[in-house]
């Protein structure tokens, strides 16, 4: 029976190979305090959105800014530009405190998702838009002295502006989750907007708006509670994949609609006959040409010079017509 080495003998062999004492672990070198990166973290308000999710929201709302610019430009019949400036995680109280008073604040329903979203448009661009819709040039001079609440007529027009924005917003989000978005309430004082607790975590998305000589901001607030069921879908890879798939489907639908409206020539061939040149030259009114089809036989119906159907000739009122009785197969013959 072979001799079994003891643990001491095994350690001795390993020590001879490596030149180090086996069983004694070297003490780790201390990391200098200066090289350590210390990041502050508030345990009372922990981060709930990951960097990947915030980056995906940034990509999505850059697309929303482009769509909204096009929609508002068509609605106002004047060039308007939205550009994304900020995507940040904070509390609802911090978001409300950052809004001016008065302003245009809309409470948005995003069914079937729970909770509400908040959309705010700065008065410095709201009033020029309203002025444009009322037939003006879209300019408001000395706005700082005219800051006020919206009138009833102005509120109706602002609701229409927000409706165009929400349509672009829903189209942007349909790759992640389709929802019915609508404006519930329009307020002038942000302090009256109590749709969630002050300490709730939200993501604030800010835009710059330029409309003629007027410039201002627009802010969108999305609650963590509202987005929590769909957070796993907020990955850039999935969003781009779904977006490419949606664009492909849209192109296919557009192509199909265009093809559906293409006009093609349709003709019904009653029969064929073969004549010599001499017979053609001697034709006179009243002559009868014998065809290779009987009156009781089906005739061929050609679509773009290709036989596609078979049918029976007839008339509807004073117009000639043909009734389709079958489809001509690949091998020929009526099916």
Protein backbone atom coordinates (compact mmCIF):
# COMPACT_ATOMS: atom_id res chain seq x y z
CA UNK A 1 0.00 0.00 0.00
CA UNK A 2 1.55 3.40 -1.02
CA UNK A 3 2.58 5.75 1.72
CA UNK A 4 0.26 8.79 2.24
CA UNK A 5 1.95 12.16 2.83
CA UNK A 6 1.00 14.08 5.91
CA UNK A 7 -0.16 17.71 5.78
CA UNK A 8 3.21 18.92 7.10
CA UNK A 9 5.03 17.10 4.30
CA UNK A 10 2.68 18.57 1.66
CA UNK A 11 3.28 22.09 3.03
CA UNK A 12 7.01 21.51 2.96
CA UNK A 13 6.90 20.48 -0.72
CA UNK A 14 4.80 23.51 -1.66
CA UNK A 15 7.13 25.82 0.25
CA UNK A 16 10.09 24.43 -1.66
CA UNK A 17 8.34 25.15 -5.00
CA UNK A 18 7.04 28.65 -4.27
CA UNK A 19 9.65 29.85 -1.85
CA UNK A 20 6.92 31.08 0.52
CA UNK A 21 5.56 29.71 3.73
CA UNK A 22 2.29 27.86 3.11
CA UNK A 23 -0.55 28.41 5.53
CA UNK A 24 0.49 31.95 6.38
CA UNK A 25 -1.46 34.56 4.41
CA UNK A 26 0.26 37.83 3.68
CA UNK A 27 -1.37 40.83 5.28
CA UNK A 28 -3.07 43.07 2.70
CA UNK A 29 -1.42 46.38 2.05
CA UNK A 30 -3.43 49.27 3.48
CA UNK A 31 -5.14 51.52 0.92
CA UNK A 32 -4.11 55.16 1.33
CA UNK A 33 -6.94 57.35 2.51
CA UNK A 34 -6.19 59.88 -0.22
CA UNK A 35 -6.90 57.30 -2.99
CA UNK A 36 -10.30 56.26 -1.63
CA UNK A 37 -13.36 57.67 -3.45
CA UNK A 38 -16.00 58.64 -0.91
CA UNK A 39 -19.49 59.16 -2.29
CA UNK A 40 -22.19 60.74 -0.12
CA UNK A 41 -25.37 58.69 0.27
CA UNK A 42 -28.61 59.75 1.93
CA UNK A 43 -30.17 56.65 3.56
CA UNK A 44 -33.40 58.58 4.18
CA UNK A 45 -33.81 59.17 0.44
CA UNK A 46 -32.17 56.23 -1.34
CA UNK A 47 -31.72 56.19 -5.11
CA UNK A 48 -34.49 54.14 -6.71
CA UNK A 49 -33.68 54.71 -10.39
CA UNK A 50 -30.48 53.14 -11.71
CA UNK A 51 -28.14 54.98 -14.04
CA UNK A 52 -29.20 52.70 -16.89
CA UNK A 53 -32.86 53.52 -16.30
CA UNK A 54 -32.15 57.25 -16.17
CA UNK A 55 -30.12 56.99 -19.37
CA UNK A 56 -33.00 55.18 -21.09
CA UNK A 57 -35.40 57.91 -19.95
CA UNK A 58 -32.99 60.44 -21.43
CA UNK A 59 -32.99 58.66 -24.80
CA UNK A 60 -36.76 58.38 -24.80
CA UNK A 61 -37.44 62.02 -23.98
CA UNK A 62 -34.92 63.27 -26.52
CA UNK A 63 -37.19 61.53 -29.03
CA UNK A 64 -40.22 63.06 -27.30
CA UNK A 65 -38.68 66.54 -27.67
CA UNK A 66 -38.35 66.06 -31.42
CA UNK A 67 -41.90 64.76 -31.81
CA UNK A 68 -43.31 67.53 -29.62
CA UNK A 69 -41.44 70.19 -31.61
CA UNK A 70 -43.01 68.93 -34.82
CA UNK A 71 -46.50 68.65 -33.30
CA UNK A 72 -46.47 72.14 -31.76
CA UNK A 73 -44.97 73.73 -34.88
CA UNK A 74 -47.83 72.33 -36.96
CA UNK A 75 -50.43 73.35 -34.37
CA UNK A 76 -49.14 76.89 -33.87
CA UNK A 77 -48.06 77.30 -37.50
CA UNK A 78 -44.77 78.71 -36.34
CA UNK A 79 -41.35 77.13 -35.69
CA UNK A 80 -40.88 75.93 -32.13
CA UNK A 81 -38.03 73.90 -30.68
CA UNK A 82 -37.85 71.70 -27.58
CA UNK A 83 -34.52 70.39 -26.32
CA UNK A 84 -33.88 68.09 -23.37
CA UNK A 85 -31.68 69.66 -20.69
CA UNK A 86 -32.00 67.54 -17.54
CA UNK A 87 -33.03 64.10 -16.27
CA UNK A 88 -32.65 63.98 -12.49
CA UNK A 89 -33.88 61.94 -9.55
CA UNK A 90 -35.25 63.94 -6.61
CA UNK A 91 -38.25 64.22 -4.28
CA UNK A 92 -41.64 65.54 -5.23
CA UNK A 93 -41.30 68.40 -2.75
CA UNK A 94 -38.03 69.49 -4.39
CA UNK A 95 -39.66 69.41 -7.82
CA UNK A 96 -42.66 71.51 -6.73
CA UNK A 97 -40.41 74.01 -4.96
CA UNK A 98 -38.44 74.57 -8.17
CA UNK A 99 -41.51 75.72 -10.16
CA UNK A 100 -42.44 79.40 -10.53
CA UNK A 101 -45.72 80.90 -9.31
CA UNK A 102 -47.93 81.42 -11.24
CA UNK A 103 -47.37 78.88 -14.03
CA UNK A 104 -49.30 76.32 -16.08
CA UNK A 105 -49.30 72.95 -14.29
CA UNK A 106 -51.19 69.98 -15.66
CA UNK A 107 -51.99 66.79 -13.74
CA UNK A 108 -51.70 63.88 -16.17
CA UNK A 109 -53.43 60.51 -15.95
CA UNK A 110 -51.45 57.59 -17.42
CA UNK A 111 -53.94 54.71 -17.25
CA UNK A 112 -53.51 51.78 -16.81
CA UNK A 113 -50.43 52.84 -14.77
CA UNK A 114 -51.12 53.93 -11.19
CA UNK A 115 -50.44 57.42 -9.97
CA UNK A 116 -50.27 60.72 -11.82
CA UNK A 117 -47.64 62.66 -13.75
CA UNK A 118 -47.13 66.41 -13.64
CA UNK A 119 -46.39 68.62 -16.66
CA UNK A 120 -45.42 72.28 -16.18
CA UNK A 121 -44.94 74.90 -18.90
CA UNK A 122 -43.35 78.21 -17.99
CA UNK A 123 -45.57 81.28 -18.50
CA UNK A 124 -42.82 82.97 -20.53
CA UNK A 125 -43.72 80.65 -23.43
CA UNK A 126 -47.34 79.84 -22.56
CA UNK A 127 -48.60 83.39 -23.13
CA UNK A 128 -46.80 83.82 -26.50
CA UNK A 129 -48.36 80.51 -27.64
CA UNK A 130 -51.80 81.67 -26.55
CA UNK A 131 -51.23 85.00 -28.29
CA UNK A 132 -50.34 83.11 -31.48
CA UNK A 133 -53.50 80.99 -31.29
CA UNK A 134 -55.60 84.15 -30.85
CA UNK A 135 -54.21 85.62 -34.08
CA UNK A 136 -51.24 87.56 -32.72
CA UNK A 137 -47.59 87.36 -33.61
CA UNK A 138 -46.68 85.30 -30.56
CA UNK A 139 -44.93 88.11 -28.70
CA UNK A 140 -45.55 89.34 -25.17
CA UNK A 141 -43.56 92.42 -24.16
CA UNK A 142 -42.57 93.11 -20.59
CA UNK A 143 -43.78 89.70 -19.47
CA UNK A 144 -42.25 90.04 -16.02
CA UNK A 145 -44.83 92.71 -15.27
CA UNK A 146 -47.72 90.67 -16.66
CA UNK A 147 -47.30 87.41 -14.74
CA UNK A 148 -50.81 86.30 -13.79
CA UNK A 149 -53.17 83.35 -13.69
CA UNK A 150 -54.72 82.03 -16.88
CA UNK A 151 -58.16 83.25 -17.84
CA UNK A 152 -60.94 80.81 -18.80
CA UNK A 153 -60.33 81.31 -22.52
CA UNK A 154 -56.57 80.98 -22.10
CA UNK A 155 -57.04 77.80 -20.05
CA UNK A 156 -58.96 76.21 -22.92
CA UNK A 157 -56.18 77.06 -25.37
CA UNK A 158 -53.45 75.82 -23.01
CA UNK A 159 -55.34 72.53 -22.68
CA UNK A 160 -55.19 72.17 -26.46
CA UNK A 161 -51.45 72.84 -26.42
CA UNK A 162 -50.93 70.23 -23.69
CA UNK A 163 -53.06 67.75 -25.66
CA UNK A 164 -50.57 67.95 -28.55
CA UNK A 165 -47.71 67.38 -26.12
CA UNK A 166 -49.42 64.39 -24.52
CA UNK A 167 -50.05 62.82 -27.92
CA UNK A 168 -46.31 62.98 -28.68
CA UNK A 169 -45.59 61.72 -25.13
CA UNK A 170 -47.82 58.64 -25.57
CA UNK A 171 -46.27 57.86 -28.97
CA UNK A 172 -42.80 57.95 -27.42
CA UNK A 173 -43.76 55.55 -24.61
CA UNK A 174 -45.68 53.06 -26.73
CA UNK A 175 -42.47 51.04 -27.27
CA UNK A 176 -42.29 50.42 -23.51
CA UNK A 177 -45.92 50.40 -22.42
CA UNK A 178 -49.05 51.67 -24.21
CA UNK A 179 -51.31 53.85 -22.07
CA UNK A 180 -54.17 56.31 -22.42
CA UNK A 181 -52.80 59.69 -21.39
CA UNK A 182 -55.08 62.64 -20.68
CA UNK A 183 -55.07 65.94 -18.83
CA UNK A 184 -57.13 65.80 -15.63
CA UNK A 185 -56.62 69.20 -14.00
CA UNK A 186 -54.92 72.44 -15.05
CA UNK A 187 -53.60 74.58 -12.18
CA UNK A 188 -51.76 77.91 -11.91
CA UNK A 189 -50.23 77.38 -8.45
CA UNK A 190 -47.90 74.35 -8.08
CA UNK A 191 -48.58 74.26 -4.33
CA UNK A 192 -52.13 73.10 -5.10
CA UNK A 193 -50.80 70.01 -6.88
CA UNK A 194 -50.96 67.28 -4.22
CA UNK A 195 -50.87 64.08 -6.27
CA UNK A 196 -48.20 62.36 -4.16
CA UNK A 197 -46.39 62.67 -0.86
CA UNK A 198 -43.66 65.34 -0.56
CA UNK A 199 -40.97 62.72 0.14
CA UNK A 200 -41.86 60.42 -2.77
CA UNK A 201 -39.07 59.78 -5.24
CA UNK A 202 -39.67 61.19 -8.72
CA UNK A 203 -37.67 61.70 -11.89
CA UNK A 204 -37.72 65.28 -13.15
CA UNK A 205 -37.24 65.84 -16.88
CA UNK A 206 -36.59 69.42 -18.00
CA UNK A 207 -36.76 70.95 -21.48
CA UNK A 208 -35.83 74.29 -22.98
CA UNK A 209 -38.44 75.82 -25.32
CA UNK A 210 -37.73 78.48 -27.91
CA UNK A 211 -40.68 80.05 -29.72
CA UNK A 212 -39.78 83.06 -31.80
CA UNK A 213 -38.26 85.64 -29.47
CA UNK A 214 -39.71 83.87 -26.42
CA UNK A 215 -37.72 81.31 -24.46
CA UNK A 216 -38.73 79.29 -21.44
CA UNK A 217 -38.76 75.86 -19.85
CA UNK A 218 -41.02 72.86 -19.57
CA UNK A 219 -40.79 70.27 -16.78
CA UNK A 220 -42.16 66.74 -16.57
CA UNK A 221 -42.42 64.83 -13.28
CA UNK A 222 -42.83 61.03 -13.28
CA UNK A 223 -43.36 59.20 -10.00
CA UNK A 224 -41.37 56.13 -8.98
CA UNK A 225 -44.63 54.49 -7.87
CA UNK A 226 -46.06 54.99 -11.36
CA UNK A 227 -42.98 53.64 -13.16
CA UNK A 228 -42.17 50.82 -10.73
CA UNK A 229 -44.11 48.07 -12.62
CA UNK A 230 -42.26 48.83 -15.86
CA UNK A 231 -38.77 49.58 -14.51
CA UNK A 232 -37.35 46.23 -15.81
CA UNK A 233 -38.29 47.41 -19.32
CA UNK A 234 -36.33 50.65 -18.98
CA UNK A 235 -33.12 49.39 -20.52
CA UNK A 236 -31.54 51.14 -23.48
CA UNK A 237 -31.02 47.87 -25.37
CA UNK A 238 -34.67 46.84 -25.06
CA UNK A 239 -35.91 50.33 -25.91
CA UNK A 240 -33.81 50.52 -29.08
CA UNK A 241 -34.84 46.97 -30.04
CA UNK A 242 -38.54 47.72 -29.56
CA UNK A 243 -38.12 51.05 -31.32
CA UNK A 244 -36.53 49.41 -34.38
CA UNK A 245 -39.28 46.80 -34.37
CA UNK A 246 -41.94 49.51 -34.18
CA UNK A 247 -40.33 51.52 -36.97
CA UNK A 248 -40.19 48.37 -39.10
CA UNK A 249 -43.88 47.69 -38.44
CA UNK A 250 -44.74 51.29 -39.24
CA UNK A 251 -42.84 51.16 -42.53
CA UNK A 252 -44.62 47.93 -43.45
CA UNK A 253 -48.02 49.43 -42.62
CA UNK A 254 -47.23 52.58 -44.63
CA UNK A 255 -46.09 50.48 -47.59
CA UNK A 256 -49.23 48.34 -47.36
CA UNK A 257 -51.49 51.41 -47.28
CA UNK A 258 -49.72 52.88 -50.30
CA UNK A 259 -49.98 49.61 -52.22
CA UNK A 260 -53.68 49.35 -51.39
CA UNK A 261 -54.29 52.60 -53.28
CA UNK A 262 -52.28 51.67 -56.41
CA UNK A 263 -54.43 51.57 -59.56
CA UNK A 264 -54.01 48.60 -61.90
CA UNK A 265 -55.62 48.07 -65.34
CA UNK A 266 -58.25 45.30 -65.41
CA UNK A 267 -59.53 43.82 -68.68
CA UNK A 268 -61.81 40.95 -69.63
CA UNK A 269 -60.87 38.94 -72.72
CA UNK A 270 -63.90 37.40 -74.36
CA UNK A 271 -61.85 35.24 -76.74
CA UNK A 272 -59.22 35.05 -79.44
CA UNK A 273 -59.31 34.80 -83.23
CA UNK A 274 -56.61 34.44 -85.89
CA UNK A 275 -57.03 36.25 -89.19
CA UNK A 276 -54.81 36.65 -92.23
CA UNK A 277 -53.77 40.07 -93.47
CA UNK A 278 -56.03 39.66 -96.50
CA UNK A 279 -59.02 38.87 -94.26
CA UNK A 280 -58.34 41.91 -92.09
CA UNK A 281 -58.11 44.18 -95.18
CA UNK A 282 -61.44 42.86 -96.49
CA UNK A 283 -63.41 43.29 -93.25
CA UNK A 284 -66.67 45.20 -93.68
CA UNK A 285 -69.30 46.46 -91.21
CA UNK A 286 -71.59 43.58 -90.29
CA UNK A 287 -68.96 40.85 -90.71
CA UNK A 288 -68.81 38.29 -87.89
CA UNK A 289 -65.49 37.04 -86.46
CA UNK A 290 -65.56 33.58 -84.91
CA UNK A 291 -63.83 33.40 -81.50
CA UNK A 292 -62.35 30.33 -79.80
CA UNK A 293 -64.71 30.67 -76.79
CA UNK A 294 -68.33 29.64 -76.57
CA UNK A 295 -70.89 32.00 -75.09
CA UNK A 296 -71.38 29.60 -72.17
CA UNK A 297 -67.62 29.36 -71.34
CA UNK A 298 -65.88 31.45 -68.67
CA UNK A 299 -63.67 34.27 -69.91
CA UNK A 300 -60.31 35.36 -68.56
CA UNK A 301 -60.01 38.54 -66.46
CA UNK A 302 -56.53 40.09 -66.66
CA UNK A 303 -54.96 42.31 -64.00
CA UNK A 304 -51.96 44.26 -65.31
CA UNK A 305 -51.79 41.97 -68.39
CA UNK A 306 -51.79 38.82 -66.27
CA UNK A 307 -54.68 36.35 -66.12
CA UNK A 308 -55.85 36.30 -62.50
CA UNK A 309 -59.60 35.50 -62.52
CA UNK A 310 -62.28 33.89 -64.62
CA UNK A 311 -65.81 35.15 -64.98
CA UNK A 312 -69.00 35.66 -66.96
CA UNK A 313 -69.69 38.71 -69.13
CA UNK A 314 -72.84 40.70 -68.54
CA UNK A 315 -74.26 44.17 -68.00
CA UNK A 316 -75.33 46.40 -65.11
CA UNK A 317 -77.86 48.89 -66.36
CA UNK A 318 -76.39 50.39 -69.51
CA UNK A 319 -72.80 49.46 -68.63
CA UNK A 320 -70.89 46.34 -69.60
CA UNK A 321 -69.71 44.24 -66.64
CA UNK A 322 -68.09 40.94 -65.77
CA UNK A 323 -68.86 38.68 -62.81
CA UNK A 324 -65.92 36.89 -61.16
CA UNK A 325 -66.63 33.17 -60.84
CA UNK A 326 -63.21 31.86 -59.82
CA UNK A 327 -59.46 32.39 -59.45
CA UNK A 328 -56.92 31.15 -62.00
CA UNK A 329 -54.30 29.05 -60.25
CA UNK A 330 -50.56 28.83 -60.88
CA UNK A 331 -51.04 25.88 -63.20
CA UNK A 332 -53.84 27.59 -65.10
CA UNK A 333 -57.49 26.79 -65.03
CA UNK A 334 -60.25 28.29 -62.91
CA UNK A 335 -60.41 27.26 -59.24
